[in-house]
Amino acid sequence: MNQAEVTKLMSQLRIAVRPRHRNLKNPRGPEGRLDKLRKTVTALVKHERIELNYQRADEARGYAERLISDAIRHGDCHKPTMEMADFWLVEKPLVHKLFKVLAPRFEEYKVSATRMYKAPKDYPGWYRKRAVLELRGNPYPPLLPNSSNNRNLLHNVLMDEARKEHRREKYEEIAAQIGSDTIPAAATTETVAAKEDPKTQTQA
């Protein structure tokens, strides 16, 4: 069995899962915590971008990644995958979206299906670490500004030209300094050679 076949034996998570303590206490205990994670995964599949507590977003992200990965790998004809989708998605119409919309979207992706950003905190007030969790390819405007076309703005063009001019002046100064250091060295070499040449001394 080659390496390509080995990678197909299990679903792959394209995110870094780091062991960390998550303070996700719930009055209902582990069952309430799991129920809240199910609602978080359901909301992510439904809305494709949600803002929530950072710890809960970090944990729910792994379950969403595994759910999408299994949907891509097995499809909707695999009974364990269908049972897992039925468990994690509280709203049952979203099962159809998982297999017919999200799985084809992320089938050719080489990166993770989700993205997570740290949300700005409210000030003044009690600080609570928040995050934005989203699916790639969602219909919303990007959270991060697109800086690919900023170089064509007027002030950036002027700054680039000023930077080029400054660099050119520095190169001319360095070249002139090297040239001035080379000429005396060459003259000194010719003088020493003339003193050491016996024919030159005889003619003199």
N, C-alpha and C. Protein backbone atom coordinates (compact mmCIF):
# COMPACT_ATOMS: atom_id res chain seq x y z
N MET A 1 0.86 -1.19 0.00
CA MET A 1 0.00 0.00 0.00
C MET A 1 0.90 1.24 0.00
N ASN A 2 0.70 2.12 -0.99
CA ASN A 2 1.55 3.30 -1.08
C ASN A 2 1.04 4.40 -0.16
N GLN A 3 1.80 5.50 -0.16
CA GLN A 3 1.49 6.59 0.75
C GLN A 3 0.16 7.24 0.41
N ALA A 4 -0.18 7.33 -0.89
CA ALA A 4 -1.43 7.97 -1.30
C ALA A 4 -2.63 7.18 -0.80
N GLU A 5 -2.53 5.84 -0.78
CA GLU A 5 -3.64 5.03 -0.30
C GLU A 5 -3.75 5.07 1.22
N VAL A 6 -2.63 5.22 1.91
CA VAL A 6 -2.66 5.28 3.37
C VAL A 6 -3.39 6.53 3.84
N THR A 7 -3.20 7.65 3.15
CA THR A 7 -3.85 8.89 3.56
C THR A 7 -5.35 8.84 3.41
N LYS A 8 -5.87 7.91 2.63
CA LYS A 8 -7.31 7.80 2.44
C LYS A 8 -7.98 6.93 3.50
N LEU A 9 -7.20 6.34 4.40
CA LEU A 9 -7.78 5.45 5.39
C LEU A 9 -8.48 6.21 6.51
N MET A 10 -8.18 7.47 6.71
CA MET A 10 -8.82 8.25 7.77
C MET A 10 -8.95 9.69 7.32
N SER A 11 -9.90 10.37 7.93
CA SER A 11 -10.12 11.77 7.62
C SER A 11 -8.96 12.60 8.17
N GLN A 12 -8.64 13.65 7.45
CA GLN A 12 -7.52 14.49 7.84
C GLN A 12 -8.03 15.87 8.26
N LEU A 13 -7.53 16.34 9.38
CA LEU A 13 -7.83 17.69 9.83
C LEU A 13 -6.70 18.61 9.38
N ARG A 14 -7.05 19.68 8.70
CA ARG A 14 -6.05 20.62 8.20
C ARG A 14 -5.88 21.81 9.14
N ILE A 15 -6.15 21.60 10.39
CA ILE A 15 -5.93 22.64 11.40
C ILE A 15 -5.05 22.06 12.50
N ALA A 16 -4.37 22.92 13.20
CA ALA A 16 -3.52 22.50 14.31
C ALA A 16 -4.37 22.34 15.56
N VAL A 17 -4.45 21.12 16.06
CA VAL A 17 -5.22 20.83 17.28
C VAL A 17 -4.22 20.76 18.43
N ARG A 18 -4.18 21.79 19.23
CA ARG A 18 -3.23 21.86 20.33
C ARG A 18 -3.91 21.51 21.64
N PRO A 19 -3.30 20.68 22.46
CA PRO A 19 -3.90 20.36 23.76
C PRO A 19 -3.88 21.56 24.68
N ARG A 20 -5.03 22.07 25.00
CA ARG A 20 -5.13 23.23 25.88
C ARG A 20 -6.39 23.08 26.74
N HIS A 21 -6.33 23.71 27.90
CA HIS A 21 -7.48 23.68 28.79
C HIS A 21 -8.54 24.67 28.30
N ARG A 22 -9.76 24.20 28.17
CA ARG A 22 -10.88 25.04 27.75
C ARG A 22 -11.89 25.10 28.88
N ASN A 23 -12.13 26.29 29.33
CA ASN A 23 -13.08 26.48 30.42
C ASN A 23 -14.49 26.58 29.84
N LEU A 24 -15.10 25.45 29.59
CA LEU A 24 -16.44 25.40 28.99
C LEU A 24 -17.41 24.75 29.97
N LYS A 25 -17.55 25.33 31.12
CA LYS A 25 -18.45 24.77 32.12
C LYS A 25 -19.90 25.02 31.72
N ASN A 26 -20.75 24.09 32.14
CA ASN A 26 -22.17 24.20 31.83
C ASN A 26 -22.96 23.70 33.02
N PRO A 27 -24.06 24.36 33.36
CA PRO A 27 -24.85 23.89 34.51
C PRO A 27 -25.37 22.47 34.36
N ARG A 28 -25.55 22.02 33.14
CA ARG A 28 -26.05 20.67 32.89
C ARG A 28 -24.93 19.64 32.78
N GLY A 29 -23.70 20.05 33.01
CA GLY A 29 -22.60 19.10 32.98
C GLY A 29 -22.13 18.81 31.55
N PRO A 30 -21.49 17.65 31.36
CA PRO A 30 -20.97 17.29 30.03
C PRO A 30 -22.06 17.23 28.96
N GLU A 31 -23.25 16.81 29.34
CA GLU A 31 -24.32 16.75 28.35
C GLU A 31 -24.69 18.15 27.84
N GLY A 32 -24.75 19.12 28.75
CA GLY A 32 -25.04 20.48 28.34
C GLY A 32 -23.92 21.08 27.50
N ARG A 33 -22.68 20.75 27.85
CA ARG A 33 -21.54 21.24 27.06
C ARG A 33 -21.59 20.67 25.65
N LEU A 34 -21.87 19.39 25.50
CA LEU A 34 -21.96 18.78 24.18
C LEU A 34 -23.13 19.34 23.39
N ASP A 35 -24.24 19.60 24.07
CA ASP A 35 -25.39 20.17 23.39
C ASP A 35 -25.07 21.57 22.86
N LYS A 36 -24.30 22.34 23.60
CA LYS A 36 -23.93 23.67 23.14
C LYS A 36 -22.97 23.57 21.95
N LEU A 37 -22.08 22.60 21.96
CA LEU A 37 -21.19 22.41 20.81
C LEU A 37 -21.98 22.00 19.57
N ARG A 38 -22.99 21.16 19.74
CA ARG A 38 -23.84 20.78 18.61
C ARG A 38 -24.54 22.00 18.02
N LYS A 39 -25.05 22.86 18.89
CA LYS A 39 -25.70 24.07 18.40
C LYS A 39 -24.72 25.00 17.70
N THR A 40 -23.47 25.02 18.17
CA THR A 40 -22.46 25.86 17.52
C THR A 40 -22.13 25.34 16.13
N VAL A 41 -21.93 24.04 15.99
CA VAL A 41 -21.64 23.45 14.67
C VAL A 41 -22.83 23.66 13.74
N THR A 42 -24.04 23.52 14.25
CA THR A 42 -25.23 23.74 13.44
C THR A 42 -25.30 25.18 12.95
N ALA A 43 -25.03 26.13 13.85
CA ALA A 43 -25.07 27.54 13.46
C ALA A 43 -23.98 27.86 12.43
N LEU A 44 -22.81 27.23 12.54
CA LEU A 44 -21.74 27.47 11.58
C LEU A 44 -22.13 26.96 10.20
N VAL A 45 -22.71 25.78 10.12
CA VAL A 45 -23.13 25.24 8.83
C VAL A 45 -24.27 26.05 8.24
N LYS A 46 -25.13 26.56 9.09
CA LYS A 46 -26.29 27.31 8.61
C LYS A 46 -25.91 28.72 8.15
N HIS A 47 -25.20 29.46 9.00
CA HIS A 47 -24.92 30.87 8.70
C HIS A 47 -23.55 31.07 8.03
N GLU A 48 -22.63 30.13 8.20
CA GLU A 48 -21.29 30.15 7.61
C GLU A 48 -20.37 31.21 8.21
N ARG A 49 -20.86 32.03 9.12
CA ARG A 49 -20.01 32.94 9.88
C ARG A 49 -20.73 33.29 11.19
N ILE A 50 -20.05 33.03 12.31
CA ILE A 50 -20.64 33.29 13.61
C ILE A 50 -19.60 33.92 14.51
N GLU A 51 -20.05 34.67 15.49
CA GLU A 51 -19.18 35.26 16.50
C GLU A 51 -19.58 34.70 17.85
N LEU A 52 -18.61 34.22 18.60
CA LEU A 52 -18.90 33.54 19.86
C LEU A 52 -17.68 33.55 20.75
N ASN A 53 -17.79 32.88 21.87
CA ASN A 53 -16.69 32.75 22.82
C ASN A 53 -15.51 32.04 22.16
N TYR A 54 -14.30 32.53 22.42
CA TYR A 54 -13.12 31.99 21.74
C TYR A 54 -12.91 30.51 22.05
N GLN A 55 -13.05 30.12 23.31
CA GLN A 55 -12.80 28.73 23.68
C GLN A 55 -13.79 27.79 23.00
N ARG A 56 -15.06 28.20 22.97
CA ARG A 56 -16.07 27.34 22.33
C ARG A 56 -15.85 27.30 20.82
N ALA A 57 -15.45 28.41 20.22
CA ALA A 57 -15.18 28.42 18.78
C ALA A 57 -14.00 27.52 18.45
N ASP A 58 -12.98 27.53 19.30
CA ASP A 58 -11.79 26.72 19.06
C ASP A 58 -12.11 25.24 19.11
N GLU A 59 -12.98 24.84 20.03
CA GLU A 59 -13.32 23.42 20.14
C GLU A 59 -14.32 23.00 19.06
N ALA A 60 -15.31 23.84 18.80
CA ALA A 60 -16.31 23.48 17.79
C ALA A 60 -15.70 23.42 16.39
N ARG A 61 -14.63 24.16 16.18
CA ARG A 61 -13.99 24.15 14.86
C ARG A 61 -13.49 22.76 14.47
N GLY A 62 -12.92 22.06 15.43
CA GLY A 62 -12.43 20.72 15.13
C GLY A 62 -13.54 19.76 14.74
N TYR A 63 -14.68 19.84 15.42
CA TYR A 63 -15.80 18.96 15.08
C TYR A 63 -16.37 19.31 13.71
N ALA A 64 -16.42 20.60 13.39
CA ALA A 64 -16.93 21.00 12.07
C ALA A 64 -15.99 20.52 10.96
N GLU A 65 -14.68 20.64 11.20
CA GLU A 65 -13.71 20.17 10.22
C GLU A 65 -13.84 18.66 9.99
N ARG A 66 -13.99 17.91 11.07
CA ARG A 66 -14.12 16.46 10.93
C ARG A 66 -15.42 16.10 10.22
N LEU A 67 -16.49 16.82 10.50
CA LEU A 67 -17.77 16.54 9.85
C LEU A 67 -17.69 16.77 8.35
N ILE A 68 -17.09 17.88 7.95
CA ILE A 68 -16.96 18.17 6.52
C ILE A 68 -16.00 17.20 5.85
N SER A 69 -14.91 16.85 6.54
CA SER A 69 -13.94 15.92 5.98
C SER A 69 -14.56 14.55 5.72
N ASP A 70 -15.36 14.05 6.68
CA ASP A 70 -16.02 12.76 6.48
C ASP A 70 -17.08 12.82 5.39
N ALA A 71 -17.76 13.96 5.28
CA ALA A 71 -18.76 14.10 4.22
C ALA A 71 -18.11 14.07 2.84
N ILE A 72 -16.92 14.65 2.72
CA ILE A 72 -16.20 14.62 1.45
C ILE A 72 -15.69 13.22 1.16
N ARG A 73 -15.20 12.56 2.17
CA ARG A 73 -14.55 11.26 1.98
C ARG A 73 -15.53 10.13 1.73
N HIS A 74 -16.66 10.12 2.45
CA HIS A 74 -17.58 8.99 2.36
C HIS A 74 -18.84 9.29 1.53
N GLY A 75 -19.30 10.53 1.55
CA GLY A 75 -20.53 10.83 0.84
C GLY A 75 -21.77 10.50 1.67
N ASP A 76 -22.94 10.73 1.07
CA ASP A 76 -24.19 10.55 1.80
C ASP A 76 -24.72 9.12 1.78
N CYS A 77 -23.95 8.21 1.19
CA CYS A 77 -24.37 6.80 1.18
C CYS A 77 -23.69 5.99 2.28
N HIS A 78 -22.89 6.63 3.09
CA HIS A 78 -22.17 5.95 4.16
C HIS A 78 -22.96 6.12 5.45
N LYS A 79 -23.41 5.01 6.02
CA LYS A 79 -24.31 5.08 7.17
C LYS A 79 -23.68 5.74 8.39
N PRO A 80 -22.45 5.39 8.82
CA PRO A 80 -21.87 6.08 9.99
C PRO A 80 -21.72 7.59 9.79
N THR A 81 -21.38 7.99 8.57
CA THR A 81 -21.26 9.43 8.31
C THR A 81 -22.61 10.12 8.39
N MET A 82 -23.65 9.47 7.89
CA MET A 82 -24.99 10.03 7.97
C MET A 82 -25.45 10.11 9.43
N GLU A 83 -25.11 9.11 10.22
CA GLU A 83 -25.49 9.15 11.64
C GLU A 83 -24.75 10.28 12.36
N MET A 84 -23.47 10.48 12.03
CA MET A 84 -22.72 11.56 12.66
C MET A 84 -23.28 12.92 12.25
N ALA A 85 -23.63 13.08 10.97
CA ALA A 85 -24.22 14.34 10.52
C ALA A 85 -25.57 14.57 11.19
N ASP A 86 -26.36 13.51 11.37
CA ASP A 86 -27.66 13.64 12.02
C ASP A 86 -27.50 14.02 13.49
N PHE A 87 -26.40 13.59 14.11
CA PHE A 87 -26.17 13.91 15.51
C PHE A 87 -25.72 15.37 15.68
N TRP A 88 -24.76 15.80 14.86
CA TRP A 88 -24.16 17.11 15.06
C TRP A 88 -25.02 18.25 14.53
N LEU A 89 -25.83 17.99 13.52
CA LEU A 89 -26.66 19.04 12.94
C LEU A 89 -28.05 18.95 13.55
N VAL A 90 -28.36 19.89 14.41
CA VAL A 90 -29.65 19.87 15.10
C VAL A 90 -30.79 20.12 14.13
N GLU A 91 -30.58 21.03 13.18
CA GLU A 91 -31.60 21.29 12.15
C GLU A 91 -31.36 20.34 10.99
N LYS A 92 -32.27 19.43 10.77
CA LYS A 92 -32.06 18.34 9.81
C LYS A 92 -31.96 18.77 8.36
N PRO A 93 -32.60 19.87 7.90
CA PRO A 93 -32.37 20.29 6.50
C PRO A 93 -30.91 20.63 6.20
N LEU A 94 -30.13 20.91 7.24
CA LEU A 94 -28.72 21.23 7.01
C LEU A 94 -27.90 20.02 6.62
N VAL A 95 -28.42 18.81 6.84
CA VAL A 95 -27.71 17.60 6.39
C VAL A 95 -27.60 17.62 4.88
N HIS A 96 -28.67 18.04 4.22
CA HIS A 96 -28.63 18.14 2.75
C HIS A 96 -27.59 19.18 2.32
N LYS A 97 -27.52 20.30 3.02
CA LYS A 97 -26.53 21.33 2.68
C LYS A 97 -25.12 20.82 2.87
N LEU A 98 -24.90 20.02 3.90
CA LEU A 98 -23.57 19.49 4.18
C LEU A 98 -23.06 18.66 3.01
N PHE A 99 -23.91 17.76 2.49
CA PHE A 99 -23.45 16.83 1.45
C PHE A 99 -23.56 17.41 0.05
N LYS A 100 -24.50 18.28 -0.20
CA LYS A 100 -24.75 18.77 -1.55
C LYS A 100 -24.14 20.14 -1.83
N VAL A 101 -23.81 20.89 -0.78
CA VAL A 101 -23.26 22.23 -0.97
C VAL A 101 -21.83 22.32 -0.45
N LEU A 102 -21.64 21.97 0.82
CA LEU A 102 -20.32 22.16 1.44
C LEU A 102 -19.31 21.12 0.96
N ALA A 103 -19.72 19.86 0.87
CA ALA A 103 -18.77 18.83 0.44
C ALA A 103 -18.23 19.10 -0.96
N PRO A 104 -19.07 19.43 -1.97
CA PRO A 104 -18.49 19.78 -3.28
C PRO A 104 -17.63 21.04 -3.24
N ARG A 105 -17.97 22.00 -2.37
CA ARG A 105 -17.19 23.23 -2.31
C ARG A 105 -15.77 22.97 -1.82
N PHE A 106 -15.63 22.14 -0.80
CA PHE A 106 -14.32 21.93 -0.19
C PHE A 106 -13.62 20.68 -0.70
N GLU A 107 -14.16 20.05 -1.72
CA GLU A 107 -13.57 18.79 -2.18
C GLU A 107 -12.16 18.98 -2.71
N GLU A 108 -11.90 20.07 -3.41
CA GLU A 108 -10.59 20.30 -4.01
C GLU A 108 -9.72 21.22 -3.16
N TYR A 109 -10.17 21.58 -1.96
CA TYR A 109 -9.40 22.48 -1.12
C TYR A 109 -8.19 21.77 -0.56
N LYS A 110 -7.05 22.48 -0.52
CA LYS A 110 -5.84 21.96 0.10
C LYS A 110 -5.60 22.58 1.48
N VAL A 111 -6.50 23.44 1.89
CA VAL A 111 -6.39 24.09 3.20
C VAL A 111 -7.64 23.74 4.00
N SER A 112 -7.71 24.26 5.21
CA SER A 112 -8.84 23.96 6.09
C SER A 112 -10.13 24.57 5.53
N ALA A 113 -11.25 23.98 5.92
CA ALA A 113 -12.55 24.48 5.47
C ALA A 113 -13.02 25.66 6.30
N THR A 114 -12.41 25.87 7.45
CA THR A 114 -12.84 26.95 8.35
C THR A 114 -11.71 27.93 8.58
N ARG A 115 -12.09 29.12 9.00
CA ARG A 115 -11.14 30.14 9.43
C ARG A 115 -11.63 30.71 10.75
N MET A 116 -10.68 31.08 11.61
CA MET A 116 -11.05 31.66 12.89
C MET A 116 -10.18 32.89 13.14
N TYR A 117 -10.84 33.98 13.54
CA TYR A 117 -10.16 35.23 13.84
C TYR A 117 -10.48 35.66 15.27
N LYS A 118 -9.57 36.35 15.87
CA LYS A 118 -9.83 36.95 17.17
C LYS A 118 -10.67 38.21 16.97
N ALA A 119 -11.75 38.30 17.69
CA ALA A 119 -12.64 39.46 17.59
C ALA A 119 -12.16 40.56 18.52
N PRO A 120 -12.37 41.83 18.16
CA PRO A 120 -11.97 42.93 19.06
C PRO A 120 -12.80 42.92 20.33
N LYS A 121 -12.19 43.32 21.42
CA LYS A 121 -12.87 43.31 22.70
C LYS A 121 -13.59 44.63 22.94
N ASP A 122 -14.61 44.57 23.77
CA ASP A 122 -15.36 45.76 24.13
C ASP A 122 -14.61 46.54 25.20
N TYR A 123 -14.51 47.84 25.00
CA TYR A 123 -13.83 48.69 25.98
C TYR A 123 -14.60 49.99 26.11
N PRO A 124 -14.90 50.44 27.30
CA PRO A 124 -14.59 49.77 28.59
C PRO A 124 -15.60 48.67 28.88
N GLY A 125 -15.25 47.85 29.77
CA GLY A 125 -16.13 46.74 30.13
C GLY A 125 -15.33 45.51 30.48
N TRP A 126 -16.05 44.47 30.83
CA TRP A 126 -15.41 43.21 31.21
C TRP A 126 -14.87 42.53 29.97
N TYR A 127 -13.59 42.19 30.03
CA TYR A 127 -12.95 41.58 28.86
C TYR A 127 -13.32 40.10 28.78
N ARG A 128 -13.81 39.73 27.62
CA ARG A 128 -14.11 38.34 27.35
C ARG A 128 -13.58 38.01 25.96
N LYS A 129 -12.75 37.00 25.89
CA LYS A 129 -12.09 36.66 24.64
C LYS A 129 -13.11 36.13 23.64
N ARG A 130 -13.25 36.82 22.53
CA ARG A 130 -14.23 36.47 21.51
C ARG A 130 -13.52 36.09 20.21
N ALA A 131 -14.24 35.40 19.34
CA ALA A 131 -13.67 34.96 18.07
C ALA A 131 -14.77 34.95 17.02
N VAL A 132 -14.33 35.02 15.77
CA VAL A 132 -15.23 34.87 14.62
C VAL A 132 -14.83 33.59 13.91
N LEU A 133 -15.78 32.69 13.78
CA LEU A 133 -15.56 31.41 13.11
C LEU A 133 -16.39 31.40 11.83
N GLU A 134 -15.75 31.06 10.73
CA GLU A 134 -16.46 31.10 9.45
C GLU A 134 -16.00 29.96 8.55
N LEU A 135 -16.84 29.65 7.55
CA LEU A 135 -16.50 28.71 6.51
C LEU A 135 -15.91 29.47 5.33
N ARG A 136 -14.90 28.89 4.72
CA ARG A 136 -14.32 29.52 3.55
C ARG A 136 -15.33 29.52 2.39
N GLY A 137 -15.26 30.54 1.56
CA GLY A 137 -16.16 30.63 0.43
C GLY A 137 -17.55 31.12 0.79
N ASN A 138 -17.71 31.71 1.97
CA ASN A 138 -19.03 32.21 2.36
C ASN A 138 -19.36 33.48 1.57
N PRO A 139 -20.65 33.85 1.49
CA PRO A 139 -21.05 34.99 0.66
C PRO A 139 -20.83 36.35 1.30
N TYR A 140 -20.28 36.41 2.49
CA TYR A 140 -20.13 37.68 3.20
C TYR A 140 -18.84 38.40 2.77
N PRO A 141 -18.78 39.70 2.99
CA PRO A 141 -17.53 40.43 2.70
C PRO A 141 -16.39 39.92 3.57
N PRO A 142 -15.16 39.95 3.07
CA PRO A 142 -14.03 39.45 3.86
C PRO A 142 -13.79 40.30 5.09
N LEU A 143 -13.35 39.65 6.15
CA LEU A 143 -13.06 40.37 7.39
C LEU A 143 -11.74 41.11 7.32
N LEU A 144 -10.78 40.56 6.62
CA LEU A 144 -9.49 41.21 6.47
C LEU A 144 -9.46 42.03 5.20
N PRO A 145 -8.89 43.23 5.22
CA PRO A 145 -8.85 44.05 4.01
C PRO A 145 -7.96 43.44 2.95
N ASN A 146 -8.37 43.60 1.71
CA ASN A 146 -7.60 43.11 0.58
C ASN A 146 -6.54 44.15 0.21
N SER A 147 -5.29 43.84 0.49
CA SER A 147 -4.20 44.79 0.25
C SER A 147 -3.46 44.52 -1.06
N SER A 148 -4.02 43.66 -1.93
CA SER A 148 -3.31 43.32 -3.16
C SER A 148 -3.27 44.48 -4.14
N ASN A 149 -4.31 45.37 -4.13
CA ASN A 149 -4.36 46.48 -5.07
C ASN A 149 -3.96 47.81 -4.44
N ASN A 150 -3.50 47.80 -3.21
CA ASN A 150 -3.14 49.06 -2.55
C ASN A 150 -1.90 49.70 -3.16
N ARG A 151 -1.10 48.94 -3.86
CA ARG A 151 0.13 49.50 -4.43
C ARG A 151 -0.18 50.50 -5.53
N ASN A 152 -1.37 50.42 -6.13
CA ASN A 152 -1.71 51.34 -7.21
C ASN A 152 -2.29 52.66 -6.71
N LEU A 153 -2.47 52.79 -5.40
CA LEU A 153 -2.95 54.06 -4.87
C LEU A 153 -1.88 55.14 -5.03
N LEU A 154 -2.32 56.42 -5.12
CA LEU A 154 -1.42 57.50 -5.46
C LEU A 154 -0.28 57.65 -4.45
N HIS A 155 -0.63 57.63 -3.17
CA HIS A 155 0.43 57.85 -2.18
C HIS A 155 1.42 56.69 -2.16
N ASN A 156 0.97 55.47 -2.45
CA ASN A 156 1.91 54.35 -2.51
C ASN A 156 2.81 54.44 -3.74
N VAL A 157 2.26 54.92 -4.86
CA VAL A 157 3.09 55.10 -6.05
C VAL A 157 4.16 56.14 -5.80
N LEU A 158 3.78 57.26 -5.16
CA LEU A 158 4.76 58.30 -4.86
C LEU A 158 5.83 57.81 -3.88
N MET A 159 5.41 57.03 -2.89
CA MET A 159 6.38 56.48 -1.94
C MET A 159 7.33 55.52 -2.62
N ASP A 160 6.85 54.70 -3.56
CA ASP A 160 7.73 53.78 -4.28
C ASP A 160 8.75 54.53 -5.11
N GLU A 161 8.31 55.60 -5.79
CA GLU A 161 9.25 56.38 -6.60
C GLU A 161 10.28 57.08 -5.73
N ALA A 162 9.83 57.64 -4.60
CA ALA A 162 10.79 58.27 -3.69
C ALA A 162 11.78 57.26 -3.14
N ARG A 163 11.32 56.06 -2.85
CA ARG A 163 12.21 55.02 -2.36
C ARG A 163 13.24 54.63 -3.42
N LYS A 164 12.80 54.53 -4.68
CA LYS A 164 13.73 54.19 -5.77
C LYS A 164 14.77 55.30 -5.96
N GLU A 165 14.32 56.56 -5.89
CA GLU A 165 15.26 57.68 -6.04
C GLU A 165 16.29 57.71 -4.92
N HIS A 166 15.84 57.47 -3.70
CA HIS A 166 16.77 57.44 -2.57
C HIS A 166 17.77 56.29 -2.72
N ARG A 167 17.30 55.15 -3.17
CA ARG A 167 18.21 54.01 -3.36
C ARG A 167 19.22 54.31 -4.47
N ARG A 168 18.78 54.97 -5.53
CA ARG A 168 19.69 55.31 -6.63
C ARG A 168 20.77 56.27 -6.16
N GLU A 169 20.41 57.28 -5.37
CA GLU A 169 21.40 58.22 -4.84
C GLU A 169 22.41 57.52 -3.94
N LYS A 170 21.94 56.60 -3.12
CA LYS A 170 22.86 55.86 -2.25
C LYS A 170 23.84 55.03 -3.06
N TYR A 171 23.34 54.37 -4.13
CA TYR A 171 24.23 53.58 -4.97
C TYR A 171 25.27 54.46 -5.65
N GLU A 172 24.89 55.67 -6.10
CA GLU A 172 25.86 56.57 -6.73
C GLU A 172 26.92 57.02 -5.73
N GLU A 173 26.51 57.30 -4.49
CA GLU A 173 27.49 57.67 -3.47
C GLU A 173 28.47 56.53 -3.19
N ILE A 174 27.96 55.32 -3.11
CA ILE A 174 28.84 54.17 -2.85
C ILE A 174 29.80 53.96 -4.01
N ALA A 175 29.28 54.09 -5.26
CA ALA A 175 30.14 53.91 -6.43
C ALA A 175 31.23 54.98 -6.48
N ALA A 176 30.86 56.23 -6.15
CA ALA A 176 31.86 57.31 -6.15
C ALA A 176 32.91 57.09 -5.08
N GLN A 177 32.51 56.61 -3.93
CA GLN A 177 33.45 56.35 -2.85
C GLN A 177 34.41 55.22 -3.21
N ILE A 178 33.88 54.19 -3.84
CA ILE A 178 34.74 53.07 -4.25
C ILE A 178 35.72 53.53 -5.32
N GLY A 179 35.25 54.38 -6.25
CA GLY A 179 36.13 54.89 -7.30
C GLY A 179 37.24 55.76 -6.75
N SER A 180 36.93 56.62 -5.78
CA SER A 180 37.95 57.48 -5.19
C SER A 180 38.97 56.69 -4.38
N ASP A 181 38.55 55.58 -3.79
CA ASP A 181 39.49 54.74 -3.05
C ASP A 181 40.37 53.91 -3.97
N THR A 182 39.89 53.63 -5.17
CA THR A 182 40.64 52.78 -6.10
C THR A 182 41.74 53.56 -6.81
N ILE A 183 41.50 54.84 -7.17
CA ILE A 183 42.48 55.63 -7.93
C ILE A 183 43.78 55.85 -7.15
N PRO A 184 43.77 56.29 -5.88
CA PRO A 184 45.04 56.42 -5.13
C PRO A 184 45.77 55.11 -4.96
N ALA A 185 45.01 54.03 -4.79
CA ALA A 185 45.66 52.73 -4.64
C ALA A 185 46.37 52.34 -5.91
N ALA A 186 45.78 52.62 -7.07
CA ALA A 186 46.42 52.30 -8.34
C ALA A 186 47.66 53.16 -8.57
N ALA A 187 47.59 54.46 -8.21
CA ALA A 187 48.76 55.33 -8.36
C ALA A 187 49.90 54.89 -7.47
N THR A 188 49.60 54.47 -6.27
CA THR A 188 50.63 53.99 -5.35
C THR A 188 51.29 52.74 -5.88
N THR A 189 50.53 51.87 -6.50
CA THR A 189 51.09 50.63 -7.07
C THR A 189 52.04 50.94 -8.21
N GLU A 190 51.68 51.91 -9.07
CA GLU A 190 52.56 52.26 -10.18
C GLU A 190 53.86 52.90 -9.67
N THR A 191 53.79 53.72 -8.63
CA THR A 191 54.99 54.34 -8.08
C THR A 191 55.95 53.32 -7.49
N VAL A 192 55.39 52.36 -6.77
CA VAL A 192 56.23 51.31 -6.19
C VAL A 192 56.87 50.47 -7.27
N ALA A 193 56.13 50.18 -8.32
CA ALA A 193 56.68 49.37 -9.41
C ALA A 193 57.79 50.11 -10.14
N ALA A 194 57.61 51.43 -10.28
CA ALA A 194 58.65 52.22 -10.96
C ALA A 194 59.93 52.29 -10.13
N LYS A 195 59.85 52.37 -8.83
CA LYS A 195 61.02 52.40 -7.97
C LYS A 195 61.76 51.08 -7.98
N GLU A 196 61.02 49.99 -8.11
CA GLU A 196 61.66 48.67 -8.08
C GLU A 196 62.23 48.26 -9.42
N ASP A 197 61.88 48.95 -10.52
CA ASP A 197 62.35 48.58 -11.85
C ASP A 197 63.75 49.13 -12.05
N PRO A 198 64.80 48.31 -12.23
CA PRO A 198 66.19 48.80 -12.37
C PRO A 198 66.39 49.58 -13.65
N LYS A 199 65.71 49.24 -14.75
CA LYS A 199 65.86 49.96 -16.02
C LYS A 199 65.42 51.41 -15.86
N THR A 200 64.35 51.60 -15.12
CA THR A 200 63.86 52.95 -14.90
C THR A 200 64.84 53.78 -14.10
N GLN A 201 65.49 53.13 -13.12
CA GLN A 201 66.48 53.83 -12.32
C GLN A 201 67.71 54.20 -13.14
N THR A 202 68.17 53.28 -14.10
CA THR A 202 69.34 53.54 -14.93
C THR A 202 69.10 54.72 -15.86
N GLN A 203 67.91 54.74 -16.52
CA GLN A 203 67.57 55.82 -17.41
C GLN A 203 67.54 57.15 -16.67
N ALA A 204 67.09 57.09 -15.40
CA ALA A 204 67.04 58.33 -14.64
C ALA A 204 68.44 58.81 -14.33
